[in-house]
Amino acid sequence: MRDIVMVVGSGMMGSGIGAMSALAGNKTVLVDTSAERAENGRKKAIECIRLREENELNTHEEAEKAIELLSTSDDSIKTAENARLVIEAIIENVEAKQNLFAQLDAVLPVEVPICSNTSGLRITDISAKCAHPERTVTTHFWLPAHLVPLVEVVMGDKTDEAVAVAVRDELRKWKKAPVLVKRDLPGQLANRVFQAIIRESIDIVASGLASAEDVDTAISCGMAMRFPVWGPLKHLDAIGLNLGLSVQETVLPSICADKTASPYIKELVEKGDLGAKTGKGFYDWSTRSIEDDMKKRDAFIIEAVKAVERVEKK
C-alpha cells in the first residue's frame, strides 16, 4: 500500500519538511545516505514539531501523533516501494539531483509525483534523465520550512499541470500556503520579487541615500508589516490603478534597473567581507549576533502566523 511521504535528504530543509508532513497526519520517512544522518534528521524534525507545539501552532496531540508517524531509512529504493509522494531535499547540485530523480523515476509508478525542494535550479533540468518528466515538480519550501507557510510549486517544461495542482492541494493540508508557478524561470516566483527588493536596497546603500540598517528598518517596519495580509497588487487595487500608474511613472525612472550584480556587493566579496560568517558585510557582526537575530526572526514568524490565522478566521 502506497501510504508514505518520502523525504530524501534530512538536513535543515528536509527535517522541517518531514516535520510538516508528519504533522499533517502522513506516515513520513526521512531518507539519507546513512542511518546516522537520517536519525539526526529525525531528531531535528522532532525539535521542529516541539517548537510548533510550544508556540501553539499545533496541539500536543498532533505533535505526539506526528512523532509516531516519523521514521527513517538509508535506502531510497526500498522506501520508494511504499511512497505516494516524494520530496527531494539533497545538496543543491544538478547532477546529484538528476541521478536521484532518474533512479526514483525508474522504480516509482507514473502516478507518484517526484518533487524537488530546489531554490535555484530548474525542475526541467533536474528531470532531464527521467522517462516521465510530466510527474516532476518543484516544491520550494521557504526557510525555516516548519514555520514559513509559503511553498512555490513550479511546473517544468514537461510537467502535467494536473500533477502540479494535485501537489499544491496536498500541501494545503500541511498548513502551507502553496502557490502555483506555471513557468520554470530562474528565481521561481518569490525570489524574483525578493531579488528586485535586494537590488534596490543595495543601490540605496551604495548611493549613500541611507544606511543598511535604515534600509532594513524601512522595509521591516513599513511595507513588510502589511505583506502578510496585504500584497502589493492588492495595495494597487486599493489605492486605484491610476494613482499606482502615476507613482510608477514618477519613481521607476530613478530606481536601479541593473541586469548584473551590483559593483558594491562585488567589492565587498572581493575584500572578503562576506557577512556574518566573516564578521563583516553590510553590518559589522563583531558587535552583533546573527544567532540572536535568527531567534528574533523565528519568534516574529511564529507570531505572524498566529496573527494571520486569527485574521482569516474572522
Protein backbone atom coordinates (compact mmCIF):
# COMPACT_ATOMS: atom_id res chain seq x y z
CA MET A 1 0.00 0.00 0.00
CA ARG A 2 1.43 3.35 -1.04
CA ASP A 3 0.84 5.46 2.06
CA ILE A 4 4.23 7.10 2.72
CA VAL A 5 5.55 10.59 2.12
CA MET A 6 9.23 10.11 1.39
CA VAL A 7 11.63 13.00 2.07
CA VAL A 8 15.09 12.39 0.60
CA GLY A 9 17.68 14.44 2.46
CA SER A 10 17.24 15.03 6.19
CA GLY A 11 19.23 18.20 6.74
CA MET A 12 17.98 21.67 7.64
CA MET A 13 15.28 21.72 4.95
CA GLY A 14 14.42 18.02 4.81
CA SER A 15 13.87 17.78 8.56
CA GLY A 16 11.49 20.76 8.52
CA ILE A 17 9.60 19.37 5.52
CA GLY A 18 9.36 15.98 7.22
CA ALA A 19 8.01 17.61 10.36
CA MET A 20 5.22 19.37 8.44
CA SER A 21 4.33 16.19 6.55
CA ALA A 22 4.02 14.20 9.78
CA LEU A 23 2.03 16.97 11.47
CA ALA A 24 -0.43 16.72 8.60
CA GLY A 25 -1.02 13.09 9.58
CA ASN A 26 1.18 11.41 6.97
CA LYS A 27 3.44 8.43 7.51
CA THR A 28 6.75 10.12 6.76
CA VAL A 29 10.15 8.57 6.10
CA LEU A 30 13.30 10.67 6.20
CA VAL A 31 15.86 9.11 3.88
CA ASP A 32 19.58 9.89 3.92
CA THR A 33 22.89 8.37 2.88
CA SER A 34 23.41 6.70 6.27
CA ALA A 35 21.24 5.57 9.16
CA GLU A 36 23.06 8.01 11.44
CA ARG A 37 22.38 11.01 9.19
CA ALA A 38 18.73 10.01 8.83
CA GLU A 39 18.32 9.65 12.61
CA ASN A 40 19.93 13.06 13.18
CA GLY A 41 17.38 14.43 10.72
CA ARG A 42 14.57 12.79 12.66
CA LYS A 43 15.81 14.42 15.87
CA LYS A 44 15.82 17.82 14.13
CA ALA A 45 12.30 17.16 12.82
CA ILE A 46 11.12 16.38 16.35
CA GLU A 47 12.66 19.67 17.53
CA CYS A 48 10.65 21.43 14.81
CA ILE A 49 7.48 19.67 15.93
CA ARG A 50 8.08 20.53 19.59
CA LEU A 51 8.76 24.18 18.72
CA ARG A 52 5.42 24.41 16.94
CA GLU A 53 3.70 22.70 19.86
CA GLU A 54 5.32 25.02 22.42
CA ASN A 55 4.11 28.01 20.44
CA GLU A 56 0.57 26.64 19.98
CA LEU A 57 0.86 26.26 16.22
CA ASN A 58 -0.05 22.60 16.75
CA THR A 59 -1.68 20.78 19.64
CA HIS A 60 0.10 18.33 21.94
CA GLU A 61 -1.95 15.51 20.45
CA GLU A 62 -0.92 16.49 16.90
CA ALA A 63 2.72 16.63 17.97
CA GLU A 64 2.65 13.21 19.63
CA LYS A 65 0.96 11.63 16.62
CA ALA A 66 3.45 13.28 14.24
CA ILE A 67 6.44 11.91 16.14
CA GLU A 68 4.93 8.41 15.92
CA LEU A 69 4.50 8.86 12.16
CA LEU A 70 8.17 9.81 11.60
CA SER A 71 10.66 7.10 10.67
CA THR A 72 14.00 6.88 8.88
CA SER A 73 15.80 4.90 6.20
CA ASP A 74 19.12 4.83 4.37
CA ASP A 75 17.66 3.01 1.36
CA SER A 76 15.76 5.29 -1.05
CA ILE A 77 14.86 2.50 -3.50
CA LYS A 78 13.33 0.25 -0.81
CA THR A 79 11.45 3.17 0.75
CA ALA A 80 10.08 4.12 -2.66
CA GLU A 81 8.18 0.81 -2.75
CA ASN A 82 5.52 2.36 -0.46
CA ALA A 83 5.79 6.03 -1.42
CA ARG A 84 2.80 8.01 -2.69
CA LEU A 85 4.74 11.31 -2.78
CA VAL A 86 8.49 12.02 -2.89
CA ILE A 87 10.16 15.31 -1.96
CA GLU A 88 13.89 15.63 -2.60
CA ALA A 89 15.94 17.95 -0.36
CA ILE A 90 19.53 16.92 -1.04
CA ILE A 91 22.58 19.02 -1.95
CA GLU A 92 21.93 21.83 -4.46
CA ASN A 93 23.83 20.12 -7.27
CA VAL A 94 22.08 19.46 -10.56
CA GLU A 95 23.96 16.24 -11.36
CA ALA A 96 23.23 14.73 -7.95
CA LYS A 97 19.57 15.63 -8.24
CA GLN A 98 19.35 14.32 -11.82
CA ASN A 99 20.80 10.96 -10.80
CA LEU A 100 18.42 10.64 -7.84
CA PHE A 101 15.40 11.59 -9.96
CA ALA A 102 16.39 9.07 -12.64
CA GLN A 103 16.68 6.30 -10.02
CA LEU A 104 13.30 7.13 -8.50
CA ASP A 105 11.63 7.59 -11.88
CA ALA A 106 12.73 4.06 -12.84
CA VAL A 107 11.08 2.38 -9.83
CA LEU A 108 8.04 4.54 -8.99
CA PRO A 109 4.65 4.16 -10.72
CA VAL A 110 3.95 7.08 -13.06
CA GLU A 111 1.17 8.42 -10.82
CA VAL A 112 3.59 9.14 -7.94
CA PRO A 113 4.85 12.77 -8.07
CA ILE A 114 8.57 13.34 -7.64
CA CYS A 115 9.28 16.81 -6.25
CA SER A 116 12.41 18.87 -5.62
CA ASN A 117 12.94 21.47 -2.92
CA THR A 118 15.46 23.27 -5.11
CA SER A 119 15.65 27.01 -4.58
CA GLY A 120 17.58 27.90 -7.71
CA LEU A 121 17.77 25.02 -10.18
CA ARG A 122 15.16 24.34 -12.87
CA ILE A 123 12.98 21.26 -12.41
CA THR A 124 13.18 20.90 -16.19
CA ASP A 125 16.94 20.32 -15.88
CA ILE A 126 16.66 18.15 -12.76
CA SER A 127 14.22 15.81 -14.53
CA ALA A 128 16.21 15.68 -17.78
CA LYS A 129 17.13 12.00 -17.30
CA CYS A 130 13.60 10.91 -16.34
CA ALA A 131 11.40 8.85 -18.63
CA HIS A 132 8.35 10.53 -17.08
CA PRO A 133 9.20 14.21 -16.50
CA GLU A 134 5.48 15.02 -16.57
CA ARG A 135 5.22 13.92 -12.90
CA THR A 136 8.14 16.06 -11.69
CA VAL A 137 7.54 19.35 -9.86
CA THR A 138 9.49 21.84 -7.79
CA THR A 139 8.18 22.26 -4.24
CA HIS A 140 10.32 25.05 -2.87
CA PHE A 141 9.71 25.36 0.87
CA TRP A 142 10.96 28.62 2.35
CA LEU A 143 13.39 28.52 5.28
CA PRO A 144 12.57 27.71 8.04
CA ALA A 145 10.32 25.11 6.41
CA HIS A 146 8.46 24.29 9.64
CA LEU A 147 7.44 27.93 10.17
CA VAL A 148 7.17 29.86 6.89
CA PRO A 149 3.88 28.94 5.16
CA LEU A 150 5.00 29.58 1.56
CA VAL A 151 5.77 26.74 -0.84
CA GLU A 152 6.39 27.52 -4.52
CA VAL A 153 5.01 24.72 -6.70
CA VAL A 154 6.82 25.17 -10.00
CA MET A 155 5.95 23.41 -13.26
CA GLY A 156 8.76 22.31 -15.55
CA ASP A 157 8.56 22.48 -19.32
CA LYS A 158 7.03 18.97 -19.42
CA THR A 159 5.13 18.91 -16.11
CA ASP A 160 1.49 17.87 -16.29
CA GLU A 161 -0.46 20.76 -14.77
CA ALA A 162 -2.86 18.29 -13.12
CA VAL A 163 0.08 16.81 -11.20
CA ALA A 164 1.23 20.26 -10.05
CA VAL A 165 -2.31 21.16 -8.94
CA ALA A 166 -2.61 17.87 -7.02
CA VAL A 167 0.70 18.56 -5.23
CA ARG A 168 -0.44 22.11 -4.43
CA ASP A 169 -3.69 20.81 -2.99
CA GLU A 170 -1.81 18.22 -0.92
CA LEU A 171 0.40 20.91 0.60
CA ARG A 172 -2.63 22.96 1.59
CA LYS A 173 -3.43 20.11 4.00
CA TRP A 174 0.00 20.65 5.61
CA LYS A 175 -0.89 24.16 6.88
CA LYS A 176 1.10 25.57 3.96
CA ALA A 177 0.29 28.42 1.56
CA PRO A 178 1.38 26.92 -1.78
CA VAL A 179 1.41 29.00 -4.96
CA LEU A 180 1.38 27.58 -8.49
CA VAL A 181 4.17 28.85 -10.75
CA LYS A 182 3.44 27.91 -14.36
CA ARG A 183 6.83 28.61 -15.95
CA ASP A 184 10.25 27.27 -14.96
CA LEU A 185 12.23 30.52 -14.73
CA PRO A 186 15.27 31.44 -12.57
CA GLY A 187 14.12 32.64 -9.15
CA GLN A 188 10.75 30.90 -9.46
CA LEU A 189 8.21 33.48 -8.16
CA ALA A 190 9.08 34.89 -4.74
CA ASN A 191 12.83 35.13 -5.30
CA ARG A 192 12.24 37.20 -8.43
CA VAL A 193 10.36 39.73 -6.28
CA PHE A 194 12.90 39.44 -3.45
CA GLN A 195 15.88 40.00 -5.77
CA ALA A 196 14.28 43.19 -7.07
CA ILE A 197 14.00 44.42 -3.46
CA ILE A 198 17.60 43.39 -2.75
CA ARG A 199 18.86 45.12 -5.91
CA GLU A 200 17.25 48.43 -4.96
CA SER A 201 18.30 48.07 -1.29
CA ILE A 202 21.96 47.63 -2.28
CA ASP A 203 21.75 50.58 -4.67
CA ILE A 204 20.32 52.81 -1.95
CA VAL A 205 23.24 51.97 0.35
CA ALA A 206 25.81 52.26 -2.46
CA SER A 207 24.48 55.69 -3.47
CA GLY A 208 24.62 56.98 0.10
CA LEU A 209 20.88 57.58 0.27
CA ALA A 210 20.58 55.60 3.53
CA SER A 211 22.48 53.13 5.71
CA ALA A 212 21.96 49.37 5.55
CA GLU A 213 20.27 49.44 8.94
CA ASP A 214 17.86 52.19 7.88
CA VAL A 215 17.00 50.34 4.65
CA ASP A 216 16.22 47.18 6.61
CA THR A 217 14.21 49.19 9.16
CA ALA A 218 12.20 50.93 6.42
CA ILE A 219 11.28 47.58 4.86
CA SER A 220 10.71 45.66 8.11
CA CYS A 221 8.66 48.38 9.80
CA GLY A 222 6.91 49.64 6.69
CA MET A 223 5.76 47.56 3.74
CA ALA A 224 6.64 44.21 5.35
CA MET A 225 4.20 44.86 8.20
CA ARG A 226 1.36 44.81 5.65
CA PHE A 227 2.57 41.97 3.44
CA PRO A 228 1.19 39.01 5.44
CA VAL A 229 -2.37 40.05 4.53
CA TRP A 230 -1.86 42.90 2.04
CA GLY A 231 0.27 42.15 -1.02
CA PRO A 232 1.47 44.83 -3.47
CA LEU A 233 -1.13 44.06 -6.15
CA LYS A 234 -3.98 44.21 -3.63
CA HIS A 235 -2.46 47.53 -2.48
CA LEU A 236 -2.61 48.87 -6.04
CA ASP A 237 -6.24 47.88 -6.40
CA ALA A 238 -7.00 49.57 -3.08
CA ILE A 239 -5.37 52.91 -3.93
CA GLY A 240 -6.55 52.88 -7.53
CA LEU A 241 -4.55 51.82 -10.57
CA ASN A 242 -4.50 55.40 -11.87
CA LEU A 243 -2.58 56.53 -8.77
CA GLY A 244 -0.36 53.44 -8.96
CA LEU A 245 0.44 54.27 -12.59
CA SER A 246 1.30 57.85 -11.68
CA VAL A 247 3.68 56.75 -8.91
CA GLN A 248 5.37 54.25 -11.24
CA GLU A 249 5.93 56.88 -13.93
CA THR A 250 7.49 59.18 -11.31
CA VAL A 251 9.65 56.67 -9.41
CA LEU A 252 10.68 53.93 -11.84
CA PRO A 253 12.96 56.11 -14.00
CA SER A 254 15.20 56.80 -10.98
CA ILE A 255 15.45 53.34 -9.39
CA CYS A 256 18.09 50.72 -10.16
CA ALA A 257 17.49 48.64 -13.29
CA ASP A 258 20.87 46.86 -13.49
CA LYS A 259 20.88 43.46 -15.18
CA THR A 260 24.02 42.33 -13.33
CA ALA A 261 25.03 42.18 -9.68
CA SER A 262 25.95 45.48 -8.05
CA PRO A 263 29.65 46.55 -8.09
CA TYR A 264 29.12 47.45 -4.42
CA ILE A 265 28.45 43.85 -3.34
CA LYS A 266 31.16 42.57 -5.69
CA GLU A 267 33.67 44.83 -3.91
CA LEU A 268 32.60 43.53 -0.50
CA VAL A 269 33.05 39.94 -1.69
CA GLU A 270 36.47 40.70 -3.17
CA LYS A 271 37.56 42.17 0.17
CA GLY A 272 36.41 39.00 1.96
CA ASP A 273 33.55 40.78 3.75
CA LEU A 274 31.01 38.01 3.26
CA GLY A 275 28.60 38.84 6.06
CA ALA A 276 28.04 37.21 9.43
CA LYS A 277 30.34 34.25 8.69
CA THR A 278 33.37 36.53 8.27
CA GLY A 279 32.32 39.15 10.81
CA LYS A 280 31.52 41.92 8.36
CA GLY A 281 29.26 42.60 5.39
CA PHE A 282 26.62 45.31 5.25
CA TYR A 283 26.76 45.16 9.06
CA ASP A 284 29.67 44.86 11.50
CA TRP A 285 28.93 41.46 13.08
CA SER A 286 31.71 41.77 15.65
CA THR A 287 29.22 43.77 17.73
CA ARG A 288 26.07 41.83 16.79
CA SER A 289 24.86 38.24 16.95
CA ILE A 290 23.35 36.59 13.88
CA GLU A 291 22.09 33.76 16.11
CA ASP A 292 20.14 36.25 18.25
CA ASP A 293 18.71 37.87 15.13
CA MET A 294 17.65 34.46 13.78
CA LYS A 295 15.84 33.74 17.04
CA LYS A 296 14.05 37.09 16.77
CA ARG A 297 13.18 36.29 13.14
CA ASP A 298 11.68 32.92 14.05
CA ALA A 299 9.79 34.36 17.03
CA PHE A 300 8.29 37.03 14.78
CA ILE A 301 7.32 34.48 12.12
CA ILE A 302 5.55 32.40 14.78
CA GLU A 303 3.55 35.39 15.99
CA ALA A 304 2.83 36.47 12.39
CA VAL A 305 1.49 33.01 11.51
CA LYS A 306 -0.77 33.12 14.58
CA ALA A 307 -1.96 36.63 13.72
CA VAL A 308 -2.78 35.70 10.11
CA GLU A 309 -4.70 32.63 11.28
CA ARG A 310 -6.73 34.81 13.69
CA VAL A 311 -7.47 37.38 10.99
CA GLU A 312 -8.52 34.73 8.46
CA LYS A 313 -10.97 33.18 10.96
CA LYS A 314 -12.83 36.48 11.35
